[in-house]
Amino acid sequence: MSKTKFMAAGAGIVDADQTPLDGVVDHVEAFRYLGCHVTPDARSSFDVSRRVAAASGAFCTLRESVFASDDFSIAIKRIVYGVTVLAVLLYGSESWTVRQRDVRRLESFHLQCVRSILKINRGRQIEEHISSLQVRRMWGDMEEIADKVRVRRLRWLGHVSRMPDRIPRQLLYGALPSKRPPHGPRKRWKDSAKCDLMAVGVPLEQLGDIVQDRQGCVNT
């Protein structure tokens, strides 16, 4: 019991919900599970902040020895950056339902790291009128962070869709009997997945057939 914590989540939470078992179990506002942080509001902003902080630490660790060194080519630095900093930054992004400001924060951090590796400081960027598009071209990776998150989310969508009748698949295809409020309800994970399918041109009604071809789905 000393290692057990609990978090109250959902609508209508009262003080009594936060002190069960006479206070034997500690109440927390967020908890970490498999490296991801879960909060009562089920938003991804807190996890995004933690990922940016962790990726920043990974980048600083390798800055002098790899990223600022002239002994390595841009191609080598891009590979190291991808398997260290970028992997830390996007860990768990398959389950995110990010807002636009979260995406902008991720993109801003990513481009800041890339500009640092390419030795493009603020003065040079202004003097030579270097746009973000040119930075990506010089870096050799034209994908934006939003695209990278979309790829990961679609891979997870395919994985869940191929599952047998397990809880993740039940949640994906299930729906509450009550109607959603009409006044701009919060976007669900499945809403983000639908937008991703539209972005890659995959009709929602064909999803069940497409995901069965795992190899073809990955190539797509």
C-alpha atoms as a PDB file:
ATOM      1  CA  MET A   1       0.000   0.000   0.000  1.00  0.00           C
ATOM      2  CA  SER A   2       2.912   2.374   0.629  1.00  0.00           C
ATOM      3  CA  LYS A   3       3.751   2.247  -3.087  1.00  0.00           C
ATOM      4  CA  THR A   4       0.147   2.659  -4.219  1.00  0.00           C
ATOM      5  CA  LYS A   5      -1.132   6.040  -5.424  1.00  0.00           C
ATOM      6  CA  PHE A   6      -4.421   7.068  -6.951  1.00  0.00           C
ATOM      7  CA  MET A   7      -5.723   9.857  -9.143  1.00  0.00           C
ATOM      8  CA  ALA A   8      -9.340  10.986  -9.350  1.00  0.00           C
ATOM      9  CA  ALA A   9     -10.501  11.764 -12.877  1.00  0.00           C
ATOM     10  CA  GLY A  10     -13.770  12.645 -14.559  1.00  0.00           C
ATOM     11  CA  ALA A  11     -16.556  15.169 -14.206  1.00  0.00           C
ATOM     12  CA  GLY A  12     -18.053  16.061 -10.831  1.00  0.00           C
ATOM     13  CA  ILE A  13     -15.056  15.161  -8.668  1.00  0.00           C
ATOM     14  CA  VAL A  14     -15.522  16.217  -5.027  1.00  0.00           C
ATOM     15  CA  ASP A  15     -13.147  16.270  -2.058  1.00  0.00           C
ATOM     16  CA  ALA A  16     -14.488  12.954  -0.778  1.00  0.00           C
ATOM     17  CA  ASP A  17     -13.311  11.294  -4.000  1.00  0.00           C
ATOM     18  CA  GLN A  18      -9.743  12.350  -3.242  1.00  0.00           C
ATOM     19  CA  THR A  19      -9.475  10.877   0.239  1.00  0.00           C
ATOM     20  CA  PRO A  20     -10.668   7.247   0.132  1.00  0.00           C
ATOM     21  CA  LEU A  21      -9.528   4.558   2.547  1.00  0.00           C
ATOM     22  CA  ASP A  22      -9.077   7.174   5.297  1.00  0.00           C
ATOM     23  CA  GLY A  23      -6.040   8.635   3.584  1.00  0.00           C
ATOM     24  CA  VAL A  24      -4.114   5.338   3.459  1.00  0.00           C
ATOM     25  CA  VAL A  25      -3.555   5.739  -0.277  1.00  0.00           C
ATOM     26  CA  ASP A  26      -1.953   9.013  -1.342  1.00  0.00           C
ATOM     27  CA  HIS A  27      -3.758  11.191  -3.854  1.00  0.00           C
ATOM     28  CA  VAL A  28      -1.724  12.563  -6.804  1.00  0.00           C
ATOM     29  CA  GLU A  29      -2.544  15.082  -9.518  1.00  0.00           C
ATOM     30  CA  ALA A  30      -0.663  13.142 -12.196  1.00  0.00           C
ATOM     31  CA  PHE A  31       1.138   9.840 -12.508  1.00  0.00           C
ATOM     32  CA  ARG A  32       3.731   8.337 -14.784  1.00  0.00           C
ATOM     33  CA  TYR A  33       2.933   5.131 -16.628  1.00  0.00           C
ATOM     34  CA  LEU A  34       5.369   3.528 -19.086  1.00  0.00           C
ATOM     35  CA  GLY A  35       7.207   6.830 -19.406  1.00  0.00           C
ATOM     36  CA  CYS A  36       4.083   8.864 -20.178  1.00  0.00           C
ATOM     37  CA  HIS A  37       2.361  11.257 -17.786  1.00  0.00           C
ATOM     38  CA  VAL A  38      -1.376  10.929 -17.276  1.00  0.00           C
ATOM     39  CA  THR A  39      -3.403  13.811 -15.826  1.00  0.00           C
ATOM     40  CA  PRO A  40      -7.027  14.014 -14.614  1.00  0.00           C
ATOM     41  CA  ASP A  41      -8.091  16.145 -17.589  1.00  0.00           C
ATOM     42  CA  ALA A  42      -6.663  13.559 -20.044  1.00  0.00           C
ATOM     43  CA  ARG A  43      -4.897  16.289 -22.001  1.00  0.00           C
ATOM     44  CA  SER A  44      -1.503  15.824 -23.617  1.00  0.00           C
ATOM     45  CA  SER A  45      -0.061  19.268 -22.807  1.00  0.00           C
ATOM     46  CA  PHE A  46       1.610  18.137 -19.566  1.00  0.00           C
ATOM     47  CA  ASP A  47       3.209  15.151 -21.282  1.00  0.00           C
ATOM     48  CA  VAL A  48       4.374  17.361 -24.156  1.00  0.00           C
ATOM     49  CA  SER A  49       6.084  19.683 -21.662  1.00  0.00           C
ATOM     50  CA  ARG A  50       7.832  16.737 -20.037  1.00  0.00           C
ATOM     51  CA  ARG A  51       8.932  15.391 -23.391  1.00  0.00           C
ATOM     52  CA  VAL A  52      10.397  18.761 -24.434  1.00  0.00           C
ATOM     53  CA  ALA A  53      12.319  18.978 -21.150  1.00  0.00           C
ATOM     54  CA  ALA A  54      13.657  15.428 -21.509  1.00  0.00           C
ATOM     55  CA  ALA A  55      14.637  15.964 -25.155  1.00  0.00           C
ATOM     56  CA  SER A  56      16.369  19.216 -24.225  1.00  0.00           C
ATOM     57  CA  GLY A  57      18.461  17.319 -21.689  1.00  0.00           C
ATOM     58  CA  ALA A  58      19.367  14.691 -24.300  1.00  0.00           C
ATOM     59  CA  PHE A  59      20.371  17.390 -26.795  1.00  0.00           C
ATOM     60  CA  CYS A  60      22.549  19.241 -24.265  1.00  0.00           C
ATOM     61  CA  THR A  61      24.304  15.991 -23.343  1.00  0.00           C
ATOM     62  CA  LEU A  62      25.443  15.434 -26.954  1.00  0.00           C
ATOM     63  CA  ARG A  63      25.827  19.055 -28.021  1.00  0.00           C
ATOM     64  CA  GLU A  64      29.583  19.437 -27.587  1.00  0.00           C
ATOM     65  CA  SER A  65      30.633  15.885 -28.395  1.00  0.00           C
ATOM     66  CA  VAL A  66      28.492  15.349 -31.499  1.00  0.00           C
ATOM     67  CA  PHE A  67      26.224  18.161 -32.669  1.00  0.00           C
ATOM     68  CA  ALA A  68      28.766  21.001 -32.424  1.00  0.00           C
ATOM     69  CA  SER A  69      31.697  18.891 -33.602  1.00  0.00           C
ATOM     70  CA  ASP A  70      33.146  19.318 -37.095  1.00  0.00           C
ATOM     71  CA  ASP A  71      34.253  15.672 -37.141  1.00  0.00           C
ATOM     72  CA  PHE A  72      30.805  14.442 -38.129  1.00  0.00           C
ATOM     73  CA  SER A  73      28.800  15.110 -41.274  1.00  0.00           C
ATOM     74  CA  ILE A  74      25.262  16.484 -41.240  1.00  0.00           C
ATOM     75  CA  ALA A  75      23.993  13.049 -42.278  1.00  0.00           C
ATOM     76  CA  ILE A  76      25.623  11.409 -39.234  1.00  0.00           C
ATOM     77  CA  LYS A  77      24.358  14.149 -36.922  1.00  0.00           C
ATOM     78  CA  ARG A  78      20.835  13.716 -38.328  1.00  0.00           C
ATOM     79  CA  ILE A  79      20.923   9.993 -37.559  1.00  0.00           C
ATOM     80  CA  VAL A  80      22.199  10.558 -34.013  1.00  0.00           C
ATOM     81  CA  TYR A  81      19.626  13.294 -33.468  1.00  0.00           C
ATOM     82  CA  GLY A  82      16.841  11.026 -34.687  1.00  0.00           C
ATOM     83  CA  VAL A  83      17.654   8.093 -32.402  1.00  0.00           C
ATOM     84  CA  THR A  84      18.360  10.223 -29.335  1.00  0.00           C
ATOM     85  CA  VAL A  85      16.726  13.644 -29.175  1.00  0.00           C
ATOM     86  CA  LEU A  86      13.821  13.090 -31.578  1.00  0.00           C
ATOM     87  CA  ALA A  87      13.048   9.668 -30.141  1.00  0.00           C
ATOM     88  CA  VAL A  88      12.840  11.189 -26.658  1.00  0.00           C
ATOM     89  CA  LEU A  89      10.775  14.145 -27.876  1.00  0.00           C
ATOM     90  CA  LEU A  90       8.120  12.004 -29.573  1.00  0.00           C
ATOM     91  CA  TYR A  91       8.027   9.113 -27.128  1.00  0.00           C
ATOM     92  CA  GLY A  92       4.398   8.191 -26.509  1.00  0.00           C
ATOM     93  CA  SER A  93       3.116  10.588 -29.192  1.00  0.00           C
ATOM     94  CA  GLU A  94       1.000   7.750 -30.626  1.00  0.00           C
ATOM     95  CA  SER A  95      -1.483   8.345 -27.821  1.00  0.00           C
ATOM     96  CA  TRP A  96      -1.436  12.148 -27.862  1.00  0.00           C
ATOM     97  CA  THR A  97      -4.395  14.340 -28.717  1.00  0.00           C
ATOM     98  CA  VAL A  98      -2.422  17.507 -29.182  1.00  0.00           C
ATOM     99  CA  ARG A  99      -3.647  21.038 -29.607  1.00  0.00           C
ATOM    100  CA  GLN A 100      -2.137  23.449 -32.092  1.00  0.00           C
ATOM    101  CA  ARG A 101      -0.093  25.233 -29.427  1.00  0.00           C
ATOM    102  CA  ASP A 102       1.389  21.889 -28.378  1.00  0.00           C
ATOM    103  CA  VAL A 103       2.377  21.165 -31.974  1.00  0.00           C
ATOM    104  CA  ARG A 104       3.907  24.634 -32.322  1.00  0.00           C
ATOM    105  CA  ARG A 105       5.921  24.087 -29.153  1.00  0.00           C
ATOM    106  CA  LEU A 106       7.259  20.769 -30.426  1.00  0.00           C
ATOM    107  CA  GLU A 107       8.054  22.251 -33.827  1.00  0.00           C
ATOM    108  CA  SER A 108       9.761  25.268 -32.280  1.00  0.00           C
ATOM    109  CA  PHE A 109      12.000  23.080 -30.128  1.00  0.00           C
ATOM    110  CA  HIS A 110      12.838  20.809 -33.056  1.00  0.00           C
ATOM    111  CA  LEU A 111      13.818  23.685 -35.357  1.00  0.00           C
ATOM    112  CA  GLN A 112      15.794  25.320 -32.571  1.00  0.00           C
ATOM    113  CA  CYS A 113      17.859  22.149 -32.220  1.00  0.00           C
ATOM    114  CA  VAL A 114      18.328  21.844 -35.981  1.00  0.00           C
ATOM    115  CA  ARG A 115      19.432  25.472 -36.323  1.00  0.00           C
ATOM    116  CA  SER A 116      21.908  24.948 -33.497  1.00  0.00           C
ATOM    117  CA  ILE A 117      23.411  21.923 -35.259  1.00  0.00           C
ATOM    118  CA  LEU A 118      23.592  23.810 -38.573  1.00  0.00           C
ATOM    119  CA  LYS A 119      25.174  26.799 -36.761  1.00  0.00           C
ATOM    120  CA  ILE A 120      22.392  29.137 -37.852  1.00  0.00           C
ATOM    121  CA  ASN A 121      22.130  31.740 -35.118  1.00  0.00           C
ATOM    122  CA  ARG A 122      19.522  34.465 -34.933  1.00  0.00           C
ATOM    123  CA  GLY A 123      21.754  37.043 -36.615  1.00  0.00           C
ATOM    124  CA  ARG A 124      22.587  34.797 -39.572  1.00  0.00           C
ATOM    125  CA  GLN A 125      18.958  33.801 -39.961  1.00  0.00           C
ATOM    126  CA  ILE A 126      17.868  37.442 -40.231  1.00  0.00           C
ATOM    127  CA  GLU A 127      20.796  38.549 -42.391  1.00  0.00           C
ATOM    128  CA  GLU A 128      20.476  35.728 -44.927  1.00  0.00           C
ATOM    129  CA  HIS A 129      16.661  35.527 -44.705  1.00  0.00           C
ATOM    130  CA  ILE A 130      16.748  31.808 -43.915  1.00  0.00           C
ATOM    131  CA  SER A 131      13.220  30.433 -43.629  1.00  0.00           C
ATOM    132  CA  SER A 132      12.126  27.329 -41.778  1.00  0.00           C
ATOM    133  CA  LEU A 133      11.654  25.589 -45.128  1.00  0.00           C
ATOM    134  CA  GLN A 134      15.280  26.306 -46.041  1.00  0.00           C
ATOM    135  CA  VAL A 135      16.405  25.025 -42.634  1.00  0.00           C
ATOM    136  CA  ARG A 136      14.614  21.721 -43.245  1.00  0.00           C
ATOM    137  CA  ARG A 137      16.127  21.493 -46.728  1.00  0.00           C
ATOM    138  CA  MET A 138      19.636  22.089 -45.360  1.00  0.00           C
ATOM    139  CA  TRP A 139      18.946  19.521 -42.628  1.00  0.00           C
ATOM    140  CA  GLY A 140      17.795  16.910 -45.138  1.00  0.00           C
ATOM    141  CA  ASP A 141      14.436  16.166 -43.531  1.00  0.00           C
ATOM    142  CA  MET A 142      11.396  18.019 -44.877  1.00  0.00           C
ATOM    143  CA  GLU A 143       8.902  16.434 -42.478  1.00  0.00           C
ATOM    144  CA  GLU A 144       7.361  18.694 -39.868  1.00  0.00           C
ATOM    145  CA  ILE A 145       6.770  17.465 -36.329  1.00  0.00           C
ATOM    146  CA  ALA A 146       3.025  17.286 -37.016  1.00  0.00           C
ATOM    147  CA  ASP A 147       3.753  14.856 -39.876  1.00  0.00           C
ATOM    148  CA  LYS A 148       5.971  12.711 -37.681  1.00  0.00           C
ATOM    149  CA  VAL A 149       3.293  12.532 -34.981  1.00  0.00           C
ATOM    150  CA  ARG A 150       0.697  11.638 -37.629  1.00  0.00           C
ATOM    151  CA  VAL A 151       2.804   8.715 -38.863  1.00  0.00           C
ATOM    152  CA  ARG A 152       3.161   7.355 -35.338  1.00  0.00           C
ATOM    153  CA  ARG A 153      -0.532   7.783 -34.606  1.00  0.00           C
ATOM    154  CA  LEU A 154      -1.546   5.992 -37.796  1.00  0.00           C
ATOM    155  CA  ARG A 155       0.786   3.099 -37.018  1.00  0.00           C
ATOM    156  CA  TRP A 156      -0.809   2.770 -33.593  1.00  0.00           C
ATOM    157  CA  LEU A 157      -4.271   3.006 -35.169  1.00  0.00           C
ATOM    158  CA  GLY A 158      -3.428   0.102 -37.440  1.00  0.00           C
ATOM    159  CA  HIS A 159      -2.028  -1.897 -34.534  1.00  0.00           C
ATOM    160  CA  VAL A 160      -5.155  -1.377 -32.418  1.00  0.00           C
ATOM    161  CA  SER A 161      -7.449  -2.119 -35.363  1.00  0.00           C
ATOM    162  CA  ARG A 162      -5.730  -5.481 -35.882  1.00  0.00           C
ATOM    163  CA  MET A 163      -6.117  -6.432 -32.236  1.00  0.00           C
ATOM    164  CA  PRO A 164      -8.584  -9.128 -31.195  1.00  0.00           C
ATOM    165  CA  ASP A 165     -11.465  -8.054 -28.983  1.00  0.00           C
ATOM    166  CA  ARG A 166      -9.300  -6.351 -26.359  1.00  0.00           C
ATOM    167  CA  ILE A 167     -10.025  -3.199 -24.354  1.00  0.00           C
ATOM    168  CA  PRO A 168      -8.043  -0.798 -26.614  1.00  0.00           C
ATOM    169  CA  ARG A 169     -10.000  -1.967 -29.654  1.00  0.00           C
ATOM    170  CA  GLN A 170     -13.296  -1.770 -27.760  1.00  0.00           C
ATOM    171  CA  LEU A 171     -12.529   1.818 -26.775  1.00  0.00           C
ATOM    172  CA  LEU A 172     -11.567   2.718 -30.347  1.00  0.00           C
ATOM    173  CA  TYR A 173     -14.798   1.478 -31.895  1.00  0.00           C
ATOM    174  CA  GLY A 174     -17.054   2.055 -28.889  1.00  0.00           C
ATOM    175  CA  ALA A 175     -19.169   5.133 -28.157  1.00  0.00           C
ATOM    176  CA  LEU A 176     -21.116   6.456 -25.186  1.00  0.00           C
ATOM    177  CA  PRO A 177     -24.918   6.391 -25.540  1.00  0.00           C
ATOM    178  CA  SER A 178     -25.214  10.116 -24.791  1.00  0.00           C
ATOM    179  CA  LYS A 179     -24.686  12.698 -27.534  1.00  0.00           C
ATOM    180  CA  ARG A 180     -21.678  14.957 -27.517  1.00  0.00           C
ATOM    181  CA  PRO A 181     -22.340  18.652 -26.779  1.00  0.00           C
ATOM    182  CA  PRO A 182     -22.728  20.812 -29.893  1.00  0.00           C
ATOM    183  CA  HIS A 183     -20.695  23.775 -28.608  1.00  0.00           C
ATOM    184  CA  GLY A 184     -17.188  22.808 -29.716  1.00  0.00           C
ATOM    185  CA  PRO A 185     -16.495  19.620 -27.706  1.00  0.00           C
ATOM    186  CA  ARG A 186     -12.924  18.582 -27.025  1.00  0.00           C
ATOM    187  CA  LYS A 187     -11.259  16.548 -29.728  1.00  0.00           C
ATOM    188  CA  ARG A 188     -10.912  12.865 -28.943  1.00  0.00           C
ATOM    189  CA  TRP A 189      -8.035  10.633 -30.015  1.00  0.00           C
ATOM    190  CA  LYS A 190     -10.250   8.981 -32.604  1.00  0.00           C
ATOM    191  CA  ASP A 191     -11.087  12.435 -34.020  1.00  0.00           C
ATOM    192  CA  SER A 192      -7.374  13.077 -34.527  1.00  0.00           C
ATOM    193  CA  ALA A 193      -7.045   9.660 -36.162  1.00  0.00           C
ATOM    194  CA  LYS A 194      -9.882  10.488 -38.561  1.00  0.00           C
ATOM    195  CA  CYS A 195      -8.128  13.713 -39.531  1.00  0.00           C
ATOM    196  CA  ASP A 196      -4.932  11.733 -40.103  1.00  0.00           C
ATOM    197  CA  LEU A 197      -6.758   9.308 -42.406  1.00  0.00           C
ATOM    198  CA  MET A 198      -8.203  12.199 -44.388  1.00  0.00           C
ATOM    199  CA  ALA A 199      -4.726  13.749 -44.681  1.00  0.00           C
ATOM    200  CA  VAL A 200      -3.295  10.585 -46.265  1.00  0.00           C
ATOM    201  CA  GLY A 201      -6.364   9.960 -48.409  1.00  0.00           C
ATOM    202  CA  VAL A 202      -7.624   6.782 -46.728  1.00  0.00           C
ATOM    203  CA  PRO A 203     -11.439   6.485 -46.538  1.00  0.00           C
ATOM    204  CA  LEU A 204     -12.629   5.622 -43.044  1.00  0.00           C
ATOM    205  CA  GLU A 205     -14.889   2.833 -44.333  1.00  0.00           C
ATOM    206  CA  GLN A 206     -11.854   1.091 -45.901  1.00  0.00           C
ATOM    207  CA  LEU A 207      -9.745   1.181 -42.743  1.00  0.00           C
ATOM    208  CA  GLY A 208     -10.686  -2.347 -41.635  1.00  0.00           C
ATOM    209  CA  ASP A 209      -9.535  -3.885 -44.926  1.00  0.00           C
ATOM    210  CA  ILE A 210      -6.394  -1.757 -45.311  1.00  0.00           C
ATOM    211  CA  VAL A 211      -4.937  -2.440 -41.855  1.00  0.00           C
ATOM    212  CA  GLN A 212      -5.080  -6.205 -42.402  1.00  0.00           C
ATOM    213  CA  ASP A 213      -2.262  -5.832 -44.943  1.00  0.00           C
ATOM    214  CA  ARG A 214       0.324  -4.842 -42.369  1.00  0.00           C
ATOM    215  CA  GLN A 215       3.261  -4.516 -44.763  1.00  0.00           C
ATOM    216  CA  GLY A 216       1.262  -2.500 -47.287  1.00  0.00           C
ATOM    217  CA  CYS A 217      -0.133  -0.324 -44.510  1.00  0.00           C
ATOM    218  CA  VAL A 218       3.368   0.545 -43.260  1.00  0.00           C
ATOM    219  CA  ASN A 219       4.571   1.362 -46.776  1.00  0.00           C
ATOM    220  CA  THR A 220       1.560   3.619 -47.309  1.00  0.00           C
END
